[in-house]
Amino acid sequence: MSPFRIFRNLAAFLVGLVLTCVVLSQFVPFPRVSNLWRKYLHMQDHLDKYSLIYIGSSRVFHEFIPGQFDQALAKRGHKENSFNFGQDGMWPPESLYMIRQILDLHPKKLKWVLIDLMQIKPFLEGNETSLRGMYWHDWQHTWIALQHVMASPDVPRPLSERLDQSLTHLLLWTQRSLNAGSGSQRFQVAMKLEREKKADPVEDDGWEAGPIRQLSQKDIDAFNNELVRLKTIQPKPIPPLLRDSLDSVTKEIRAAGAEPIFVVASGFYGRERFTDWPPPGVTVFAFDDPEKYPELYNYEHRFDVHHLDPRGAVDYTRILADRFAKFLEEKK
């Protein structure tokens, strides 16, 4: 057999293998990614329960208390069943991927999708180079990550580092497409050859309280420095890639019969203050204002510089519920 024919057959085999893996990846269960897996299965089992989902990072996971939120709304005459779909470190593009996964479940009563408004994550770290990083790397969201790495001026990095990060994203996309490391288990579950592992029950409608601890003097000093810095941050134009990503997911949420609300929690980033976004008809609740919301910037109610403890979560949920109730009443 000629070398050309050998090469042609090998290439055909590899292309066929890749295409087969990509097709099979559409039929395998949601990967066992810690709390995200548990919450996804919980949503799958309760499609007719929740009318409101709040999705995002640790600022959602540890700071939004669905039961308290629903009770506060009920006292104002608004009936909602809410769910906390937060997870530590879940920024865009991962959060955008997760929103789309939820929408694909076609929740029967979903009316509101609250979204933790954050910039596109500029880095990969820790376990995000394993299953946590791999699971959201379909091509749509890998492409967002690649554009951000190569074009974003927000985080100055040398070209060599940008290329290295791009390669990491491409490798994660390849691993996901080929089901590398988990394909056999996933295939056996999909083919009913192996029983799916049961997830631990989700409690408190997805909320997990952070610890209660006293900040050190070093942390208090850092907190006060961040507070001063936050008050000086002025709005800037939204990065085009983030704008397009948010506009796209807004359209998809509305096509599913729900309405998005973007929420800026009481953090210190200050990078979600935009001069030219949101567009008309899109709602943003912003709580990153220490003067307007001083109770959210009480360091005695934080378990670290950036996160509210359970006492702070009670304050945040109360304020969010009040803002949402006023929003509903203004719409009438």
C-alpha atoms as a PDB file:
ATOM      1  CA  MET A   1       0.000   0.000   0.000  1.00  0.00           C
ATOM      2  CA  SER A   2       1.353   3.427  -0.949  1.00  0.00           C
ATOM      3  CA  PRO A   3       2.255   5.987   1.742  1.00  0.00           C
ATOM      4  CA  PHE A   4      -0.409   8.318   0.358  1.00  0.00           C
ATOM      5  CA  ARG A   5      -3.117   5.666   0.752  1.00  0.00           C
ATOM      6  CA  ILE A   6      -1.946   4.875   4.284  1.00  0.00           C
ATOM      7  CA  PHE A   7      -2.060   8.563   5.202  1.00  0.00           C
ATOM      8  CA  ARG A   8      -5.501   8.957   3.605  1.00  0.00           C
ATOM      9  CA  ASN A   9      -6.925   5.983   5.493  1.00  0.00           C
ATOM     10  CA  LEU A  10      -5.420   7.160   8.762  1.00  0.00           C
ATOM     11  CA  ALA A  11      -6.812  10.652   8.265  1.00  0.00           C
ATOM     12  CA  ALA A  12     -10.249   9.237   7.457  1.00  0.00           C
ATOM     13  CA  PHE A  13     -10.123   7.078  10.580  1.00  0.00           C
ATOM     14  CA  LEU A  14      -9.172  10.013  12.797  1.00  0.00           C
ATOM     15  CA  VAL A  15     -11.857  12.263  11.321  1.00  0.00           C
ATOM     16  CA  GLY A  16     -14.428   9.520  11.791  1.00  0.00           C
ATOM     17  CA  LEU A  17     -13.306   8.978  15.374  1.00  0.00           C
ATOM     18  CA  VAL A  18     -13.559  12.671  16.199  1.00  0.00           C
ATOM     19  CA  LEU A  19     -16.998  13.007  14.590  1.00  0.00           C
ATOM     20  CA  THR A  20     -18.252   9.912  16.415  1.00  0.00           C
ATOM     21  CA  CYS A  21     -17.025  11.248  19.756  1.00  0.00           C
ATOM     22  CA  VAL A  22     -18.580  14.647  19.116  1.00  0.00           C
ATOM     23  CA  VAL A  23     -21.945  13.067  18.247  1.00  0.00           C
ATOM     24  CA  LEU A  24     -21.875  10.753  21.282  1.00  0.00           C
ATOM     25  CA  SER A  25     -21.020  13.680  23.557  1.00  0.00           C
ATOM     26  CA  GLN A  26     -24.463  15.118  22.837  1.00  0.00           C
ATOM     27  CA  PHE A  27     -26.165  12.089  24.407  1.00  0.00           C
ATOM     28  CA  VAL A  28     -24.198  11.534  27.594  1.00  0.00           C
ATOM     29  CA  PRO A  29     -25.324  12.669  31.041  1.00  0.00           C
ATOM     30  CA  PHE A  30     -24.277  15.947  32.590  1.00  0.00           C
ATOM     31  CA  PRO A  31     -20.758  15.404  33.979  1.00  0.00           C
ATOM     32  CA  ARG A  32     -20.218  14.887  37.701  1.00  0.00           C
ATOM     33  CA  VAL A  33     -18.908  18.368  38.415  1.00  0.00           C
ATOM     34  CA  SER A  34     -19.351  18.757  42.178  1.00  0.00           C
ATOM     35  CA  ASN A  35     -22.278  21.017  43.129  1.00  0.00           C
ATOM     36  CA  LEU A  36     -23.073  21.893  39.536  1.00  0.00           C
ATOM     37  CA  TRP A  37     -23.905  18.271  38.785  1.00  0.00           C
ATOM     38  CA  ARG A  38     -26.111  18.048  41.874  1.00  0.00           C
ATOM     39  CA  LYS A  39     -27.908  21.282  41.062  1.00  0.00           C
ATOM     40  CA  TYR A  40     -28.415  20.357  37.420  1.00  0.00           C
ATOM     41  CA  LEU A  41     -29.975  17.003  38.368  1.00  0.00           C
ATOM     42  CA  HIS A  42     -32.115  18.766  40.970  1.00  0.00           C
ATOM     43  CA  MET A  43     -33.413  21.147  38.314  1.00  0.00           C
ATOM     44  CA  GLN A  44     -34.040  18.211  36.001  1.00  0.00           C
ATOM     45  CA  ASP A  45     -36.170  16.578  38.686  1.00  0.00           C
ATOM     46  CA  HIS A  46     -38.078  19.778  39.553  1.00  0.00           C
ATOM     47  CA  LEU A  47     -38.871  21.325  36.187  1.00  0.00           C
ATOM     48  CA  ASP A  48     -42.351  22.353  37.316  1.00  0.00           C
ATOM     49  CA  LYS A  49     -41.278  23.969  40.602  1.00  0.00           C
ATOM     50  CA  TYR A  50     -39.065  27.007  40.097  1.00  0.00           C
ATOM     51  CA  SER A  51     -40.164  30.320  38.605  1.00  0.00           C
ATOM     52  CA  LEU A  52     -36.905  32.151  39.336  1.00  0.00           C
ATOM     53  CA  ILE A  53     -33.264  31.076  39.101  1.00  0.00           C
ATOM     54  CA  TYR A  54     -30.296  33.129  40.260  1.00  0.00           C
ATOM     55  CA  ILE A  55     -27.108  31.922  38.595  1.00  0.00           C
ATOM     56  CA  GLY A  56     -23.510  32.966  39.104  1.00  0.00           C
ATOM     57  CA  SER A  57     -20.422  32.819  41.251  1.00  0.00           C
ATOM     58  CA  SER A  58     -19.774  32.511  44.988  1.00  0.00           C
ATOM     59  CA  ARG A  59     -21.485  35.870  45.363  1.00  0.00           C
ATOM     60  CA  VAL A  60     -24.683  33.978  44.528  1.00  0.00           C
ATOM     61  CA  PHE A  61     -23.834  30.598  46.056  1.00  0.00           C
ATOM     62  CA  HIS A  62     -23.163  31.938  49.564  1.00  0.00           C
ATOM     63  CA  GLU A  63     -25.200  35.159  49.552  1.00  0.00           C
ATOM     64  CA  PHE A  64     -28.653  34.441  48.086  1.00  0.00           C
ATOM     65  CA  ILE A  65     -31.133  32.649  50.377  1.00  0.00           C
ATOM     66  CA  PRO A  66     -34.103  31.453  48.273  1.00  0.00           C
ATOM     67  CA  GLY A  67     -36.433  30.648  51.176  1.00  0.00           C
ATOM     68  CA  GLN A  68     -36.030  34.085  52.720  1.00  0.00           C
ATOM     69  CA  PHE A  69     -36.373  35.741  49.306  1.00  0.00           C
ATOM     70  CA  ASP A  70     -39.634  33.926  48.526  1.00  0.00           C
ATOM     71  CA  GLN A  71     -41.117  34.726  51.939  1.00  0.00           C
ATOM     72  CA  ALA A  72     -40.279  38.415  51.594  1.00  0.00           C
ATOM     73  CA  LEU A  73     -41.947  38.536  48.180  1.00  0.00           C
ATOM     74  CA  ALA A  74     -45.003  36.669  49.439  1.00  0.00           C
ATOM     75  CA  LYS A  75     -45.511  39.368  52.095  1.00  0.00           C
ATOM     76  CA  ARG A  76     -45.696  41.874  49.232  1.00  0.00           C
ATOM     77  CA  GLY A  77     -48.193  39.738  47.326  1.00  0.00           C
ATOM     78  CA  HIS A  78     -45.749  38.179  44.838  1.00  0.00           C
ATOM     79  CA  LYS A  79     -45.490  34.402  44.609  1.00  0.00           C
ATOM     80  CA  GLU A  80     -42.152  33.076  43.386  1.00  0.00           C
ATOM     81  CA  ASN A  81     -40.252  29.834  43.913  1.00  0.00           C
ATOM     82  CA  SER A  82     -36.564  30.595  43.577  1.00  0.00           C
ATOM     83  CA  PHE A  83     -33.421  28.500  43.255  1.00  0.00           C
ATOM     84  CA  ASN A  84     -29.785  29.342  43.911  1.00  0.00           C
ATOM     85  CA  PHE A  85     -27.690  28.079  40.997  1.00  0.00           C
ATOM     86  CA  GLY A  86     -24.465  29.611  42.221  1.00  0.00           C
ATOM     87  CA  GLN A  87     -21.053  27.972  42.340  1.00  0.00           C
ATOM     88  CA  ASP A  88     -17.660  29.184  43.488  1.00  0.00           C
ATOM     89  CA  GLY A  89     -15.688  30.677  40.602  1.00  0.00           C
ATOM     90  CA  MET A  90     -18.465  30.485  37.998  1.00  0.00           C
ATOM     91  CA  TRP A  91     -17.919  33.508  35.761  1.00  0.00           C
ATOM     92  CA  PRO A  92     -18.596  33.865  32.044  1.00  0.00           C
ATOM     93  CA  PRO A  93     -18.174  31.962  29.768  1.00  0.00           C
ATOM     94  CA  GLU A  94     -18.939  29.087  32.197  1.00  0.00           C
ATOM     95  CA  SER A  95     -22.036  30.783  33.624  1.00  0.00           C
ATOM     96  CA  LEU A  96     -23.353  31.459  30.106  1.00  0.00           C
ATOM     97  CA  TYR A  97     -22.911  27.788  29.238  1.00  0.00           C
ATOM     98  CA  MET A  98     -24.772  26.790  32.402  1.00  0.00           C
ATOM     99  CA  ILE A  99     -27.661  29.139  31.615  1.00  0.00           C
ATOM    100  CA  ARG A 100     -28.039  27.490  28.229  1.00  0.00           C
ATOM    101  CA  GLN A 101     -27.960  24.027  29.777  1.00  0.00           C
ATOM    102  CA  ILE A 102     -30.797  25.020  32.106  1.00  0.00           C
ATOM    103  CA  LEU A 103     -32.817  26.503  29.256  1.00  0.00           C
ATOM    104  CA  ASP A 104     -32.376  23.255  27.311  1.00  0.00           C
ATOM    105  CA  LEU A 105     -34.228  21.477  30.130  1.00  0.00           C
ATOM    106  CA  HIS A 106     -37.299  23.606  29.283  1.00  0.00           C
ATOM    107  CA  PRO A 107     -38.317  24.476  32.877  1.00  0.00           C
ATOM    108  CA  LYS A 108     -42.089  24.688  32.800  1.00  0.00           C
ATOM    109  CA  LYS A 109     -42.617  27.627  35.163  1.00  0.00           C
ATOM    110  CA  LEU A 110     -39.441  29.628  34.690  1.00  0.00           C
ATOM    111  CA  LYS A 111     -40.198  33.357  34.446  1.00  0.00           C
ATOM    112  CA  TRP A 112     -37.053  35.066  35.734  1.00  0.00           C
ATOM    113  CA  VAL A 113     -33.346  34.411  35.318  1.00  0.00           C
ATOM    114  CA  LEU A 114     -31.189  36.543  37.602  1.00  0.00           C
ATOM    115  CA  ILE A 115     -27.589  36.616  36.360  1.00  0.00           C
ATOM    116  CA  ASP A 116     -24.500  37.542  38.335  1.00  0.00           C
ATOM    117  CA  LEU A 117     -23.095  40.293  36.100  1.00  0.00           C
ATOM    118  CA  MET A 118     -19.355  39.780  35.799  1.00  0.00           C
ATOM    119  CA  GLN A 119     -16.610  40.255  33.264  1.00  0.00           C
ATOM    120  CA  ILE A 120     -15.400  37.301  31.218  1.00  0.00           C
ATOM    121  CA  LYS A 121     -12.971  35.330  33.353  1.00  0.00           C
ATOM    122  CA  PRO A 122      -9.416  36.212  32.340  1.00  0.00           C
ATOM    123  CA  PHE A 123      -7.664  33.089  33.578  1.00  0.00           C
ATOM    124  CA  LEU A 124      -7.810  29.372  34.259  1.00  0.00           C
ATOM    125  CA  GLU A 125      -6.533  27.964  37.502  1.00  0.00           C
ATOM    126  CA  GLY A 126      -6.627  24.963  39.807  1.00  0.00           C
ATOM    127  CA  ASN A 127      -9.150  22.281  39.007  1.00  0.00           C
ATOM    128  CA  GLU A 128     -10.419  24.302  36.079  1.00  0.00           C
ATOM    129  CA  THR A 129      -7.885  22.466  33.934  1.00  0.00           C
ATOM    130  CA  SER A 130      -9.664  19.202  34.786  1.00  0.00           C
ATOM    131  CA  LEU A 131     -13.343  18.212  34.517  1.00  0.00           C
ATOM    132  CA  ARG A 132     -14.516  21.557  35.939  1.00  0.00           C
ATOM    133  CA  GLY A 133     -12.721  23.387  33.174  1.00  0.00           C
ATOM    134  CA  MET A 134     -13.490  20.892  30.450  1.00  0.00           C
ATOM    135  CA  TYR A 135     -17.245  20.436  30.774  1.00  0.00           C
ATOM    136  CA  TRP A 136     -18.259  23.905  29.491  1.00  0.00           C
ATOM    137  CA  HIS A 137     -15.805  23.963  26.588  1.00  0.00           C
ATOM    138  CA  ASP A 138     -18.170  23.362  23.707  1.00  0.00           C
ATOM    139  CA  TRP A 139     -17.162  25.364  20.657  1.00  0.00           C
ATOM    140  CA  GLN A 140     -19.514  28.311  21.294  1.00  0.00           C
ATOM    141  CA  HIS A 141     -18.044  29.055  24.721  1.00  0.00           C
ATOM    142  CA  THR A 142     -14.494  28.061  23.835  1.00  0.00           C
ATOM    143  CA  TRP A 143     -14.629  30.640  21.055  1.00  0.00           C
ATOM    144  CA  ILE A 144     -15.692  33.317  23.564  1.00  0.00           C
ATOM    145  CA  ALA A 145     -12.756  32.368  25.789  1.00  0.00           C
ATOM    146  CA  LEU A 146     -10.301  32.419  22.884  1.00  0.00           C
ATOM    147  CA  GLN A 147     -11.423  35.855  21.717  1.00  0.00           C
ATOM    148  CA  HIS A 148     -11.118  37.205  25.234  1.00  0.00           C
ATOM    149  CA  VAL A 149      -7.654  35.775  25.784  1.00  0.00           C
ATOM    150  CA  MET A 150      -6.274  37.137  22.527  1.00  0.00           C
ATOM    151  CA  ALA A 151      -8.055  40.488  22.282  1.00  0.00           C
ATOM    152  CA  SER A 152      -9.004  41.706  25.757  1.00  0.00           C
ATOM    153  CA  PRO A 153      -7.041  44.759  26.928  1.00  0.00           C
ATOM    154  CA  ASP A 154      -8.350  44.406  30.491  1.00  0.00           C
ATOM    155  CA  VAL A 155      -5.551  42.159  31.719  1.00  0.00           C
ATOM    156  CA  PRO A 156      -2.178  43.091  30.193  1.00  0.00           C
ATOM    157  CA  ARG A 157      -0.344  39.889  29.317  1.00  0.00           C
ATOM    158  CA  PRO A 158       2.536  39.081  26.979  1.00  0.00           C
ATOM    159  CA  LEU A 159       1.735  37.338  23.724  1.00  0.00           C
ATOM    160  CA  SER A 160       3.418  34.135  24.907  1.00  0.00           C
ATOM    161  CA  GLU A 161       1.039  33.920  27.853  1.00  0.00           C
ATOM    162  CA  ARG A 162      -1.971  34.631  25.650  1.00  0.00           C
ATOM    163  CA  LEU A 163      -0.927  31.873  23.260  1.00  0.00           C
ATOM    164  CA  ASP A 164      -0.414  29.476  26.161  1.00  0.00           C
ATOM    165  CA  GLN A 165      -3.886  30.261  27.525  1.00  0.00           C
ATOM    166  CA  SER A 166      -5.403  29.848  24.063  1.00  0.00           C
ATOM    167  CA  LEU A 167      -3.778  26.453  23.720  1.00  0.00           C
ATOM    168  CA  THR A 168      -5.182  25.439  27.105  1.00  0.00           C
ATOM    169  CA  HIS A 169      -8.710  26.362  25.979  1.00  0.00           C
ATOM    170  CA  LEU A 170      -8.267  24.456  22.715  1.00  0.00           C
ATOM    171  CA  LEU A 171      -7.005  21.388  24.561  1.00  0.00           C
ATOM    172  CA  LEU A 172      -9.994  21.532  26.912  1.00  0.00           C
ATOM    173  CA  TRP A 173     -12.318  21.781  23.909  1.00  0.00           C
ATOM    174  CA  THR A 174     -10.584  18.781  22.338  1.00  0.00           C
ATOM    175  CA  GLN A 175     -10.827  16.766  25.555  1.00  0.00           C
ATOM    176  CA  ARG A 176     -14.512  17.565  25.873  1.00  0.00           C
ATOM    177  CA  SER A 177     -15.204  16.718  22.225  1.00  0.00           C
ATOM    178  CA  LEU A 178     -13.418  13.381  22.588  1.00  0.00           C
ATOM    179  CA  ASN A 179     -14.845  12.712  26.068  1.00  0.00           C
ATOM    180  CA  ALA A 180     -11.253  12.196  27.189  1.00  0.00           C
ATOM    181  CA  GLY A 181     -10.953  10.667  30.632  1.00  0.00           C
ATOM    182  CA  SER A 182     -14.668  10.054  31.103  1.00  0.00           C
ATOM    183  CA  GLY A 183     -15.951   8.814  27.771  1.00  0.00           C
ATOM    184  CA  SER A 184     -16.111   5.155  28.747  1.00  0.00           C
ATOM    185  CA  GLN A 185     -18.078   5.787  31.926  1.00  0.00           C
ATOM    186  CA  ARG A 186     -20.379   8.251  30.212  1.00  0.00           C
ATOM    187  CA  PHE A 187     -21.011   5.870  27.301  1.00  0.00           C
ATOM    188  CA  GLN A 188     -21.826   2.978  29.625  1.00  0.00           C
ATOM    189  CA  VAL A 189     -24.306   5.120  31.541  1.00  0.00           C
ATOM    190  CA  ALA A 190     -25.893   6.361  28.314  1.00  0.00           C
ATOM    191  CA  MET A 191     -26.210   2.774  27.033  1.00  0.00           C
ATOM    192  CA  LYS A 192     -27.683   1.628  30.384  1.00  0.00           C
ATOM    193  CA  LEU A 193     -24.708  -0.679  30.952  1.00  0.00           C
ATOM    194  CA  GLU A 194     -23.861   1.034  34.213  1.00  0.00           C
ATOM    195  CA  ARG A 195     -26.082   2.672  36.813  1.00  0.00           C
ATOM    196  CA  GLU A 196     -25.730   6.401  37.226  1.00  0.00           C
ATOM    197  CA  LYS A 197     -24.279   7.478  40.546  1.00  0.00           C
ATOM    198  CA  LYS A 198     -26.875   9.254  42.642  1.00  0.00           C
ATOM    199  CA  ALA A 199     -26.154  12.829  43.613  1.00  0.00           C
ATOM    200  CA  ASP A 200     -26.510  13.957  47.195  1.00  0.00           C
ATOM    201  CA  PRO A 201     -29.747  15.902  47.757  1.00  0.00           C
ATOM    202  CA  VAL A 202     -29.679  19.669  47.259  1.00  0.00           C
ATOM    203  CA  GLU A 203     -30.716  21.480  50.420  1.00  0.00           C
ATOM    204  CA  ASP A 204     -31.961  25.039  51.016  1.00  0.00           C
ATOM    205  CA  ASP A 205     -32.822  25.378  47.332  1.00  0.00           C
ATOM    206  CA  GLY A 206     -29.145  25.564  46.428  1.00  0.00           C
ATOM    207  CA  TRP A 207     -27.874  28.062  49.021  1.00  0.00           C
ATOM    208  CA  GLU A 208     -24.791  27.152  51.001  1.00  0.00           C
ATOM    209  CA  ALA A 209     -23.888  29.384  53.915  1.00  0.00           C
ATOM    210  CA  GLY A 210     -20.358  30.661  54.158  1.00  0.00           C
ATOM    211  CA  PRO A 211     -18.512  30.446  57.470  1.00  0.00           C
ATOM    212  CA  ILE A 212     -18.735  33.013  60.237  1.00  0.00           C
ATOM    213  CA  ARG A 213     -15.289  34.218  61.147  1.00  0.00           C
ATOM    214  CA  GLN A 214     -13.681  37.396  62.372  1.00  0.00           C
ATOM    215  CA  LEU A 215     -11.460  39.155  59.859  1.00  0.00           C
ATOM    216  CA  SER A 216      -7.856  39.712  60.819  1.00  0.00           C
ATOM    217  CA  GLN A 217      -6.540  43.251  61.074  1.00  0.00           C
ATOM    218  CA  LYS A 218      -4.698  42.649  57.804  1.00  0.00           C
ATOM    219  CA  ASP A 219      -7.995  41.721  56.119  1.00  0.00           C
ATOM    220  CA  ILE A 220      -9.754  44.723  57.651  1.00  0.00           C
ATOM    221  CA  ASP A 221      -7.068  47.018  56.288  1.00  0.00           C
ATOM    222  CA  ALA A 222      -7.387  45.386  52.863  1.00  0.00           C
ATOM    223  CA  PHE A 223     -11.175  45.752  53.055  1.00  0.00           C
ATOM    224  CA  ASN A 224     -10.930  49.475  53.841  1.00  0.00           C
ATOM    225  CA  ASN A 225      -8.439  50.011  51.019  1.00  0.00           C
ATOM    226  CA  GLU A 226     -10.765  48.272  48.575  1.00  0.00           C
ATOM    227  CA  LEU A 227     -13.646  50.387  49.841  1.00  0.00           C
ATOM    228  CA  VAL A 228     -11.728  53.593  49.072  1.00  0.00           C
ATOM    229  CA  ARG A 229     -10.744  52.285  45.638  1.00  0.00           C
ATOM    230  CA  LEU A 230     -14.309  51.243  44.764  1.00  0.00           C
ATOM    231  CA  LYS A 231     -15.625  54.751  45.408  1.00  0.00           C
ATOM    232  CA  THR A 232     -13.240  56.163  42.815  1.00  0.00           C
ATOM    233  CA  ILE A 233     -14.085  53.794  39.959  1.00  0.00           C
ATOM    234  CA  GLN A 234     -15.892  55.464  37.077  1.00  0.00           C
ATOM    235  CA  PRO A 235     -18.069  53.691  34.487  1.00  0.00           C
ATOM    236  CA  LYS A 236     -16.441  52.641  31.222  1.00  0.00           C
ATOM    237  CA  PRO A 237     -17.751  51.313  27.889  1.00  0.00           C
ATOM    238  CA  ILE A 238     -18.596  47.630  28.023  1.00  0.00           C
ATOM    239  CA  PRO A 239     -16.111  45.357  26.225  1.00  0.00           C
ATOM    240  CA  PRO A 240     -17.645  44.408  22.839  1.00  0.00           C
ATOM    241  CA  LEU A 241     -17.220  40.663  23.426  1.00  0.00           C
ATOM    242  CA  LEU A 242     -19.034  40.827  26.765  1.00  0.00           C
ATOM    243  CA  ARG A 243     -21.773  43.003  25.264  1.00  0.00           C
ATOM    244  CA  ASP A 244     -22.368  40.544  22.432  1.00  0.00           C
ATOM    245  CA  SER A 245     -22.346  37.585  24.833  1.00  0.00           C
ATOM    246  CA  LEU A 246     -24.877  39.189  27.175  1.00  0.00           C
ATOM    247  CA  ASP A 247     -27.112  40.344  24.329  1.00  0.00           C
ATOM    248  CA  SER A 248     -27.083  36.824  22.884  1.00  0.00           C
ATOM    249  CA  VAL A 249     -28.020  35.080  26.125  1.00  0.00           C
ATOM    250  CA  THR A 250     -30.715  37.708  26.735  1.00  0.00           C
ATOM    251  CA  LYS A 251     -32.364  36.783  23.440  1.00  0.00           C
ATOM    252  CA  GLU A 252     -32.200  33.079  24.262  1.00  0.00           C
ATOM    253  CA  ILE A 253     -33.726  33.541  27.716  1.00  0.00           C
ATOM    254  CA  ARG A 254     -36.567  35.571  26.236  1.00  0.00           C
ATOM    255  CA  ALA A 255     -37.091  32.993  23.500  1.00  0.00           C
ATOM    256  CA  ALA A 256     -37.568  30.438  26.288  1.00  0.00           C
ATOM    257  CA  GLY A 257     -40.362  32.560  27.771  1.00  0.00           C
ATOM    258  CA  ALA A 258     -38.414  34.073  30.675  1.00  0.00           C
ATOM    259  CA  GLU A 259     -36.875  37.457  31.403  1.00  0.00           C
ATOM    260  CA  PRO A 260     -33.265  38.093  32.451  1.00  0.00           C
ATOM    261  CA  ILE A 261     -32.219  40.491  35.183  1.00  0.00           C
ATOM    262  CA  PHE A 262     -28.522  41.194  35.603  1.00  0.00           C
ATOM    263  CA  VAL A 263     -27.335  41.697  39.157  1.00  0.00           C
ATOM    264  CA  VAL A 264     -24.159  43.370  40.407  1.00  0.00           C
ATOM    265  CA  ALA A 265     -23.587  42.108  43.943  1.00  0.00           C
ATOM    266  CA  SER A 266     -21.781  43.983  46.707  1.00  0.00           C
ATOM    267  CA  GLY A 267     -18.258  43.293  45.538  1.00  0.00           C
ATOM    268  CA  PHE A 268     -15.205  45.462  44.984  1.00  0.00           C
ATOM    269  CA  TYR A 269     -14.473  44.802  41.321  1.00  0.00           C
ATOM    270  CA  GLY A 270     -16.195  47.905  40.012  1.00  0.00           C
ATOM    271  CA  ARG A 271     -15.705  46.585  36.491  1.00  0.00           C
ATOM    272  CA  GLU A 272     -19.431  46.068  35.889  1.00  0.00           C
ATOM    273  CA  ARG A 273     -20.169  49.807  35.743  1.00  0.00           C
ATOM    274  CA  PHE A 274     -20.800  50.589  32.087  1.00  0.00           C
ATOM    275  CA  THR A 275     -21.515  53.843  30.259  1.00  0.00           C
ATOM    276  CA  ASP A 276     -23.235  52.188  27.286  1.00  0.00           C
ATOM    277  CA  TRP A 277     -24.952  49.106  28.674  1.00  0.00           C
ATOM    278  CA  PRO A 278     -27.622  47.842  29.358  1.00  0.00           C
ATOM    279  CA  PRO A 279     -29.632  48.524  26.213  1.00  0.00           C
ATOM    280  CA  PRO A 280     -33.250  49.701  26.490  1.00  0.00           C
ATOM    281  CA  GLY A 281     -35.506  47.056  27.989  1.00  0.00           C
ATOM    282  CA  VAL A 282     -32.750  45.177  29.843  1.00  0.00           C
ATOM    283  CA  THR A 283     -32.729  45.464  33.636  1.00  0.00           C
ATOM    284  CA  VAL A 284     -29.712  45.694  35.940  1.00  0.00           C
ATOM    285  CA  PHE A 285     -29.838  45.679  39.738  1.00  0.00           C
ATOM    286  CA  ALA A 286     -26.590  47.168  41.051  1.00  0.00           C
ATOM    287  CA  PHE A 287     -25.626  46.850  44.726  1.00  0.00           C
ATOM    288  CA  ASP A 288     -21.947  47.807  44.504  1.00  0.00           C
ATOM    289  CA  ASP A 289     -22.568  51.182  46.166  1.00  0.00           C
ATOM    290  CA  PRO A 290     -21.292  51.432  49.764  1.00  0.00           C
ATOM    291  CA  GLU A 291     -23.070  54.730  50.362  1.00  0.00           C
ATOM    292  CA  LYS A 292     -26.457  53.473  49.183  1.00  0.00           C
ATOM    293  CA  TYR A 293     -26.099  50.008  50.748  1.00  0.00           C
ATOM    294  CA  PRO A 294     -23.828  50.470  53.792  1.00  0.00           C
ATOM    295  CA  GLU A 295     -25.096  47.285  55.460  1.00  0.00           C
ATOM    296  CA  LEU A 296     -23.624  45.274  52.580  1.00  0.00           C
ATOM    297  CA  TYR A 297     -20.199  46.779  53.247  1.00  0.00           C
ATOM    298  CA  ASN A 298     -19.922  45.959  56.928  1.00  0.00           C
ATOM    299  CA  TYR A 299     -16.722  43.960  57.321  1.00  0.00           C
ATOM    300  CA  GLU A 300     -18.110  42.366  60.477  1.00  0.00           C
ATOM    301  CA  HIS A 301     -20.569  40.522  58.227  1.00  0.00           C
ATOM    302  CA  ARG A 302     -17.964  39.085  55.854  1.00  0.00           C
ATOM    303  CA  PHE A 303     -16.029  35.828  56.056  1.00  0.00           C
ATOM    304  CA  ASP A 304     -13.304  37.285  53.856  1.00  0.00           C
ATOM    305  CA  VAL A 305     -12.698  40.589  52.132  1.00  0.00           C
ATOM    306  CA  HIS A 306     -14.920  39.758  49.158  1.00  0.00           C
ATOM    307  CA  HIS A 307     -17.744  37.580  50.513  1.00  0.00           C
ATOM    308  CA  LEU A 308     -20.689  38.059  52.862  1.00  0.00           C
ATOM    309  CA  ASP A 309     -21.142  35.616  55.728  1.00  0.00           C
ATOM    310  CA  PRO A 310     -24.617  34.237  56.645  1.00  0.00           C
ATOM    311  CA  ARG A 311     -25.532  37.468  58.458  1.00  0.00           C
ATOM    312  CA  GLY A 312     -24.541  39.489  55.409  1.00  0.00           C
ATOM    313  CA  ALA A 313     -26.421  37.034  53.179  1.00  0.00           C
ATOM    314  CA  VAL A 314     -29.599  37.767  55.145  1.00  0.00           C
ATOM    315  CA  ASP A 315     -29.109  41.494  54.549  1.00  0.00           C
ATOM    316  CA  TYR A 316     -28.342  40.990  50.853  1.00  0.00           C
ATOM    317  CA  THR A 317     -31.335  38.717  50.268  1.00  0.00           C
ATOM    318  CA  ARG A 318     -33.651  41.179  52.035  1.00  0.00           C
ATOM    319  CA  ILE A 319     -32.396  44.093  49.930  1.00  0.00           C
ATOM    320  CA  LEU A 320     -32.572  42.061  46.705  1.00  0.00           C
ATOM    321  CA  ALA A 321     -36.133  40.941  47.498  1.00  0.00           C
ATOM    322  CA  ASP A 322     -37.176  44.535  48.143  1.00  0.00           C
ATOM    323  CA  ARG A 323     -35.618  45.690  44.876  1.00  0.00           C
ATOM    324  CA  PHE A 324     -37.259  42.863  42.920  1.00  0.00           C
ATOM    325  CA  ALA A 325     -40.663  43.514  44.501  1.00  0.00           C
ATOM    326  CA  LYS A 326     -40.446  47.200  43.582  1.00  0.00           C
ATOM    327  CA  PHE A 327     -39.488  46.191  40.055  1.00  0.00           C
ATOM    328  CA  LEU A 328     -42.591  43.986  39.791  1.00  0.00           C
ATOM    329  CA  GLU A 329     -44.816  46.712  41.211  1.00  0.00           C
ATOM    330  CA  GLU A 330     -43.427  49.319  38.809  1.00  0.00           C
ATOM    331  CA  LYS A 331     -44.291  47.034  35.881  1.00  0.00           C
ATOM    332  CA  LYS A 332     -47.976  46.951  36.786  1.00  0.00           C
END
